[in-house]
Amino acid sequence: MAQIPNPNEITASDGSLVYFNVDTLNKVISFNNAIVAYGQSSTAPSIGNGGTITTAGLSVSRVTTAGAVTGVILQIGTQSGQEVTVINESGNSITMAAAGTSNVSDGVSDVIAANNARTFVFDTGTNLWYPMK
């Protein structure tokens, strides 16, 4: 039998609110409209100044750099309460762009040091990622 990915493979709903959903197309399980995605990026792409870190369908986004980078953007989230951990696998720092550009609440004050990780939570009310400190 052919496997066909489905964004609503298993869904529990009261008719207006979805309480639980298994999305085999994007490999996401969501509870009460809060995303839980346990996927880790299979590669650690090298980002440059102004580059974007992917968050879609990931709980862990691995990145590297060729040197210290600035003006970095965290891809906009899709669900309130969505979490993503960015792992900086390089020996260089990653500095976010201003909040309105980077989608990160503390903008240029948010620096992921060399060989460190930072976890962010997304708020759909502000459309910003907030670092968990």
N, C-alpha and C. Protein backbone atom coordinates (compact mmCIF):
# COMPACT_ATOMS: atom_id res chain seq x y z
N MET A 1 0.84 -1.17 0.00
CA MET A 1 0.00 0.00 0.00
C MET A 1 0.89 1.24 0.00
N ALA A 2 0.54 2.20 -0.81
CA ALA A 2 1.30 3.45 -0.88
C ALA A 2 1.06 4.29 0.37
N GLN A 3 2.10 4.94 0.82
CA GLN A 3 1.98 5.83 1.96
C GLN A 3 1.75 7.24 1.46
N ILE A 4 0.65 7.85 1.87
CA ILE A 4 0.30 9.19 1.43
C ILE A 4 0.27 10.10 2.65
N PRO A 5 1.21 11.05 2.76
CA PRO A 5 1.21 11.97 3.89
C PRO A 5 -0.09 12.76 3.97
N ASN A 6 -0.56 12.98 5.19
CA ASN A 6 -1.85 13.64 5.40
C ASN A 6 -1.70 14.66 6.52
N PRO A 7 -2.07 15.94 6.31
CA PRO A 7 -1.93 16.95 7.37
C PRO A 7 -2.89 16.72 8.54
N ASN A 8 -3.88 15.85 8.36
CA ASN A 8 -4.84 15.54 9.43
C ASN A 8 -5.03 14.03 9.55
N GLU A 9 -3.93 13.32 9.72
CA GLU A 9 -3.98 11.86 9.79
C GLU A 9 -4.84 11.38 10.96
N ILE A 10 -4.62 11.95 12.14
CA ILE A 10 -5.41 11.64 13.33
C ILE A 10 -5.77 12.97 13.97
N THR A 11 -7.05 13.22 14.18
CA THR A 11 -7.48 14.50 14.74
C THR A 11 -8.54 14.27 15.80
N ALA A 12 -8.42 14.99 16.92
CA ALA A 12 -9.45 15.00 17.96
C ALA A 12 -9.95 16.43 18.06
N SER A 13 -11.25 16.62 17.88
CA SER A 13 -11.83 17.95 17.82
C SER A 13 -13.24 17.93 18.39
N ASP A 14 -13.69 19.10 18.87
CA ASP A 14 -15.08 19.22 19.30
C ASP A 14 -15.93 19.87 18.21
N GLY A 15 -15.37 20.01 17.04
CA GLY A 15 -16.08 20.62 15.92
C GLY A 15 -15.64 22.04 15.65
N SER A 16 -15.13 22.72 16.69
CA SER A 16 -14.62 24.07 16.47
C SER A 16 -13.16 24.18 16.87
N LEU A 17 -12.72 23.45 17.89
CA LEU A 17 -11.32 23.48 18.32
C LEU A 17 -10.69 22.11 18.11
N VAL A 18 -9.49 22.12 17.57
CA VAL A 18 -8.73 20.88 17.43
C VAL A 18 -7.88 20.73 18.68
N TYR A 19 -8.06 19.63 19.38
CA TYR A 19 -7.32 19.40 20.62
C TYR A 19 -6.07 18.57 20.40
N PHE A 20 -6.08 17.75 19.37
CA PHE A 20 -4.95 16.89 19.08
C PHE A 20 -4.94 16.62 17.59
N ASN A 21 -3.77 16.68 16.96
CA ASN A 21 -3.67 16.40 15.53
C ASN A 21 -2.32 15.78 15.22
N VAL A 22 -2.35 14.74 14.40
CA VAL A 22 -1.12 14.13 13.88
C VAL A 22 -1.06 14.48 12.41
N ASP A 23 -0.01 15.23 12.03
CA ASP A 23 0.20 15.69 10.65
C ASP A 23 1.36 14.89 10.07
N THR A 24 1.06 13.86 9.27
CA THR A 24 2.12 13.04 8.70
C THR A 24 2.76 13.70 7.48
N LEU A 25 2.16 14.75 6.96
CA LEU A 25 2.73 15.50 5.83
C LEU A 25 3.93 16.32 6.31
N ASN A 26 3.75 17.08 7.40
CA ASN A 26 4.81 17.95 7.93
C ASN A 26 5.53 17.35 9.13
N LYS A 27 5.11 16.14 9.53
CA LYS A 27 5.71 15.43 10.66
C LYS A 27 5.60 16.24 11.95
N VAL A 28 4.38 16.67 12.26
CA VAL A 28 4.11 17.49 13.44
C VAL A 28 2.94 16.89 14.22
N ILE A 29 3.08 16.87 15.53
CA ILE A 29 1.98 16.49 16.41
C ILE A 29 1.63 17.74 17.20
N SER A 30 0.37 18.15 17.20
CA SER A 30 -0.02 19.35 17.94
C SER A 30 -1.09 19.01 18.97
N PHE A 31 -0.97 19.66 20.13
CA PHE A 31 -1.90 19.51 21.24
C PHE A 31 -2.48 20.88 21.56
N ASN A 32 -3.79 21.00 21.66
CA ASN A 32 -4.44 22.27 22.02
C ASN A 32 -3.86 23.44 21.25
N ASN A 33 -3.60 23.26 19.97
CA ASN A 33 -3.05 24.29 19.10
C ASN A 33 -1.64 24.72 19.48
N ALA A 34 -0.94 23.97 20.31
CA ALA A 34 0.47 24.24 20.64
C ALA A 34 1.30 23.15 19.97
N ILE A 35 2.29 23.56 19.20
CA ILE A 35 3.05 22.61 18.40
C ILE A 35 4.09 21.87 19.24
N VAL A 36 4.22 20.59 18.96
CA VAL A 36 5.27 19.77 19.54
C VAL A 36 5.89 19.04 18.35
N ALA A 37 7.05 19.47 17.92
CA ALA A 37 7.71 18.86 16.78
C ALA A 37 9.10 18.41 17.22
N TYR A 38 9.33 17.13 17.23
CA TYR A 38 10.58 16.62 17.78
C TYR A 38 11.67 16.43 16.73
N GLY A 39 11.47 16.95 15.56
CA GLY A 39 12.46 16.78 14.51
C GLY A 39 13.67 17.67 14.69
N GLN A 40 14.82 17.15 14.32
CA GLN A 40 16.07 17.92 14.32
C GLN A 40 16.51 18.05 12.87
N SER A 41 17.04 19.21 12.52
CA SER A 41 17.52 19.38 11.15
C SER A 41 18.60 18.34 10.87
N SER A 42 18.54 17.74 9.71
CA SER A 42 19.48 16.67 9.36
C SER A 42 20.86 17.21 9.00
N THR A 43 20.92 18.48 8.66
CA THR A 43 22.20 19.12 8.34
C THR A 43 22.35 20.38 9.17
N ALA A 44 23.55 20.92 9.20
CA ALA A 44 23.80 22.19 9.87
C ALA A 44 24.25 23.18 8.81
N PRO A 45 23.29 23.84 8.13
CA PRO A 45 23.66 24.77 7.06
C PRO A 45 24.47 25.95 7.60
N SER A 46 25.37 26.43 6.79
CA SER A 46 26.17 27.60 7.15
C SER A 46 25.37 28.86 6.81
N ILE A 47 25.14 29.69 7.81
CA ILE A 47 24.40 30.93 7.58
C ILE A 47 25.39 32.09 7.56
N GLY A 48 25.04 33.11 6.81
CA GLY A 48 25.86 34.31 6.72
C GLY A 48 25.12 35.50 7.31
N ASN A 49 25.68 36.67 7.19
CA ASN A 49 25.03 37.89 7.66
C ASN A 49 23.65 38.02 7.00
N GLY A 50 22.61 38.27 7.82
CA GLY A 50 21.27 38.41 7.29
C GLY A 50 20.60 37.10 6.93
N GLY A 51 21.24 35.97 7.23
CA GLY A 51 20.68 34.66 6.89
C GLY A 51 19.50 34.30 7.77
N THR A 52 18.74 33.30 7.33
CA THR A 52 17.55 32.86 8.06
C THR A 52 17.75 31.45 8.60
N ILE A 53 17.40 31.27 9.87
CA ILE A 53 17.44 29.96 10.51
C ILE A 53 16.05 29.34 10.38
N THR A 54 15.99 28.14 9.83
CA THR A 54 14.73 27.43 9.60
C THR A 54 14.16 26.90 10.90
N THR A 55 12.83 27.06 11.07
CA THR A 55 12.15 26.53 12.26
C THR A 55 10.99 25.61 11.90
N ALA A 56 10.49 25.66 10.67
CA ALA A 56 9.30 24.92 10.27
C ALA A 56 9.47 23.42 10.48
N GLY A 57 8.60 22.84 11.31
CA GLY A 57 8.62 21.41 11.54
C GLY A 57 9.80 20.91 12.35
N LEU A 58 10.53 21.81 12.99
CA LEU A 58 11.71 21.41 13.76
C LEU A 58 11.59 21.80 15.22
N SER A 59 12.13 20.97 16.08
CA SER A 59 12.32 21.34 17.48
C SER A 59 13.76 21.76 17.71
N VAL A 60 14.65 21.25 16.86
CA VAL A 60 16.07 21.58 16.95
C VAL A 60 16.57 21.97 15.56
N SER A 61 17.10 23.19 15.47
CA SER A 61 17.66 23.68 14.21
C SER A 61 19.16 23.87 14.39
N ARG A 62 19.94 23.06 13.69
CA ARG A 62 21.40 23.11 13.78
C ARG A 62 21.93 24.06 12.72
N VAL A 63 22.87 24.94 13.10
CA VAL A 63 23.50 25.85 12.14
C VAL A 63 24.99 25.96 12.43
N THR A 64 25.70 26.44 11.44
CA THR A 64 27.11 26.74 11.58
C THR A 64 27.38 28.03 10.83
N THR A 65 28.55 28.61 11.04
CA THR A 65 28.94 29.83 10.33
C THR A 65 30.41 29.76 9.97
N ALA A 66 30.80 30.56 8.97
CA ALA A 66 32.21 30.62 8.59
C ALA A 66 32.93 31.70 9.39
N GLY A 67 32.18 32.56 10.05
CA GLY A 67 32.73 33.65 10.87
C GLY A 67 31.59 34.20 11.71
N ALA A 68 31.87 35.17 12.56
CA ALA A 68 30.81 35.79 13.35
C ALA A 68 29.79 36.42 12.40
N VAL A 69 28.50 36.21 12.64
CA VAL A 69 27.47 36.74 11.76
C VAL A 69 26.50 37.63 12.54
N THR A 70 25.91 38.59 11.83
CA THR A 70 24.95 39.53 12.41
C THR A 70 23.72 39.62 11.51
N GLY A 71 22.67 40.23 12.04
CA GLY A 71 21.46 40.44 11.24
C GLY A 71 20.72 39.17 10.93
N VAL A 72 20.86 38.15 11.75
CA VAL A 72 20.26 36.84 11.49
C VAL A 72 18.76 36.86 11.83
N ILE A 73 18.00 36.10 11.05
CA ILE A 73 16.54 36.02 11.17
C ILE A 73 16.16 34.61 11.61
N LEU A 74 15.20 34.53 12.54
CA LEU A 74 14.63 33.25 12.94
C LEU A 74 13.28 33.14 12.23
N GLN A 75 13.14 32.13 11.38
CA GLN A 75 11.91 31.96 10.59
C GLN A 75 10.69 32.06 11.50
N ILE A 76 9.67 32.76 11.05
CA ILE A 76 8.45 32.98 11.83
C ILE A 76 7.84 31.65 12.25
N GLY A 77 7.30 31.61 13.47
CA GLY A 77 6.65 30.41 13.97
C GLY A 77 5.27 30.22 13.37
N THR A 78 4.67 29.08 13.65
CA THR A 78 3.35 28.78 13.10
C THR A 78 2.29 28.59 14.17
N GLN A 79 2.70 28.32 15.41
CA GLN A 79 1.76 28.05 16.48
C GLN A 79 2.20 28.79 17.75
N SER A 80 1.24 29.30 18.49
CA SER A 80 1.55 29.91 19.78
C SER A 80 2.09 28.82 20.71
N GLY A 81 3.19 29.11 21.36
CA GLY A 81 3.81 28.14 22.25
C GLY A 81 4.79 27.21 21.56
N GLN A 82 4.93 27.34 20.25
CA GLN A 82 5.90 26.53 19.52
C GLN A 82 7.29 26.79 20.09
N GLU A 83 8.09 25.75 20.24
CA GLU A 83 9.45 25.90 20.74
C GLU A 83 10.44 25.39 19.71
N VAL A 84 11.59 26.05 19.66
CA VAL A 84 12.69 25.59 18.82
C VAL A 84 13.99 25.89 19.55
N THR A 85 14.91 24.97 19.47
CA THR A 85 16.25 25.16 20.02
C THR A 85 17.21 25.32 18.85
N VAL A 86 17.95 26.43 18.84
CA VAL A 86 18.95 26.67 17.81
C VAL A 86 20.31 26.27 18.39
N ILE A 87 20.98 25.36 17.70
CA ILE A 87 22.31 24.92 18.12
C ILE A 87 23.33 25.56 17.18
N ASN A 88 24.22 26.35 17.76
CA ASN A 88 25.31 26.97 17.00
C ASN A 88 26.50 26.02 17.08
N GLU A 89 26.73 25.28 16.02
CA GLU A 89 27.80 24.29 15.99
C GLU A 89 29.15 24.87 15.58
N SER A 90 29.20 26.19 15.44
CA SER A 90 30.44 26.83 14.98
C SER A 90 31.21 27.44 16.15
N GLY A 91 32.40 27.85 15.88
CA GLY A 91 33.24 28.55 16.85
C GLY A 91 33.04 30.05 16.78
N ASN A 92 31.91 30.50 16.21
CA ASN A 92 31.64 31.93 16.01
C ASN A 92 30.28 32.29 16.59
N SER A 93 30.10 33.57 16.89
CA SER A 93 28.82 34.02 17.45
C SER A 93 27.80 34.31 16.36
N ILE A 94 26.51 34.20 16.76
CA ILE A 94 25.38 34.51 15.89
C ILE A 94 24.57 35.60 16.58
N THR A 95 24.46 36.78 15.93
CA THR A 95 23.69 37.90 16.48
C THR A 95 22.45 38.12 15.63
N MET A 96 21.32 38.20 16.30
CA MET A 96 20.06 38.40 15.60
C MET A 96 19.95 39.82 15.07
N ALA A 97 19.05 40.02 14.11
CA ALA A 97 18.72 41.35 13.59
C ALA A 97 17.76 42.02 14.57
N ALA A 98 17.39 43.26 14.31
CA ALA A 98 16.39 43.97 15.12
C ALA A 98 15.11 43.14 15.19
N ALA A 99 14.36 43.30 16.27
CA ALA A 99 13.16 42.48 16.51
C ALA A 99 12.20 42.44 15.32
N GLY A 100 11.95 43.57 14.69
CA GLY A 100 11.03 43.63 13.57
C GLY A 100 11.50 42.87 12.35
N THR A 101 12.78 42.60 12.27
CA THR A 101 13.35 41.85 11.14
C THR A 101 13.62 40.40 11.52
N SER A 102 14.19 40.20 12.70
CA SER A 102 14.64 38.86 13.10
C SER A 102 13.51 37.97 13.61
N ASN A 103 12.38 38.57 13.99
CA ASN A 103 11.27 37.86 14.62
C ASN A 103 11.62 37.39 16.03
N VAL A 104 12.68 37.96 16.63
CA VAL A 104 13.12 37.62 17.98
C VAL A 104 12.91 38.84 18.87
N SER A 105 12.25 38.66 19.99
CA SER A 105 11.81 39.77 20.85
C SER A 105 12.93 40.71 21.29
N ASP A 106 14.10 40.16 21.61
CA ASP A 106 15.18 41.04 22.09
C ASP A 106 16.17 41.40 21.00
N GLY A 107 15.83 41.12 19.76
CA GLY A 107 16.58 41.56 18.59
C GLY A 107 18.08 41.43 18.69
N VAL A 108 18.79 42.53 18.46
CA VAL A 108 20.25 42.52 18.40
C VAL A 108 20.91 42.19 19.73
N SER A 109 20.14 42.23 20.81
CA SER A 109 20.68 41.83 22.12
C SER A 109 20.79 40.31 22.24
N ASP A 110 20.17 39.60 21.31
CA ASP A 110 20.19 38.14 21.36
C ASP A 110 21.37 37.61 20.56
N VAL A 111 22.35 37.10 21.27
CA VAL A 111 23.56 36.56 20.66
C VAL A 111 23.72 35.11 21.12
N ILE A 112 23.84 34.21 20.17
CA ILE A 112 24.11 32.81 20.50
C ILE A 112 25.61 32.63 20.37
N ALA A 113 26.26 32.42 21.50
CA ALA A 113 27.72 32.30 21.53
C ALA A 113 28.18 31.05 20.79
N ALA A 114 29.46 31.02 20.47
CA ALA A 114 30.06 29.87 19.80
C ALA A 114 29.79 28.60 20.59
N ASN A 115 29.48 27.53 19.87
CA ASN A 115 29.27 26.21 20.47
C ASN A 115 28.26 26.23 21.61
N ASN A 116 27.18 26.99 21.43
CA ASN A 116 26.11 27.08 22.41
C ASN A 116 24.77 26.87 21.72
N ALA A 117 23.72 26.77 22.55
CA ALA A 117 22.37 26.61 22.03
C ALA A 117 21.45 27.56 22.78
N ARG A 118 20.34 27.92 22.15
CA ARG A 118 19.33 28.76 22.79
C ARG A 118 17.96 28.24 22.36
N THR A 119 17.05 28.17 23.33
CA THR A 119 15.69 27.75 23.06
C THR A 119 14.78 28.97 23.04
N PHE A 120 13.89 29.00 22.05
CA PHE A 120 12.95 30.10 21.87
C PHE A 120 11.53 29.55 21.90
N VAL A 121 10.59 30.37 22.36
CA VAL A 121 9.17 30.03 22.32
C VAL A 121 8.45 31.12 21.52
N PHE A 122 7.50 30.70 20.65
CA PHE A 122 6.83 31.63 19.75
C PHE A 122 5.50 32.09 20.33
N ASP A 123 5.23 33.40 20.20
CA ASP A 123 3.98 34.01 20.66
C ASP A 123 3.26 34.58 19.45
N THR A 124 2.10 34.01 19.10
CA THR A 124 1.36 34.49 17.95
C THR A 124 0.71 35.85 18.21
N GLY A 125 0.60 36.25 19.48
CA GLY A 125 0.04 37.57 19.79
C GLY A 125 0.94 38.69 19.31
N THR A 126 2.26 38.47 19.38
CA THR A 126 3.23 39.48 18.94
C THR A 126 3.97 39.06 17.68
N ASN A 127 3.79 37.80 17.27
CA ASN A 127 4.54 37.22 16.15
C ASN A 127 6.04 37.30 16.37
N LEU A 128 6.45 37.05 17.61
CA LEU A 128 7.88 37.07 17.96
C LEU A 128 8.27 35.81 18.71
N TRP A 129 9.54 35.44 18.55
CA TRP A 129 10.15 34.39 19.34
C TRP A 129 10.73 35.03 20.60
N TYR A 130 10.56 34.37 21.73
CA TYR A 130 11.10 34.85 23.01
C TYR A 130 12.12 33.83 23.51
N PRO A 131 13.34 34.30 23.83
CA PRO A 131 14.34 33.36 24.33
C PRO A 131 13.96 32.87 25.72
N MET A 132 14.17 31.60 25.96
CA MET A 132 13.92 31.03 27.29
C MET A 132 15.25 31.09 28.04
N LYS A 133 15.28 31.88 29.08
CA LYS A 133 16.53 32.08 29.81
C LYS A 133 16.44 31.51 31.19
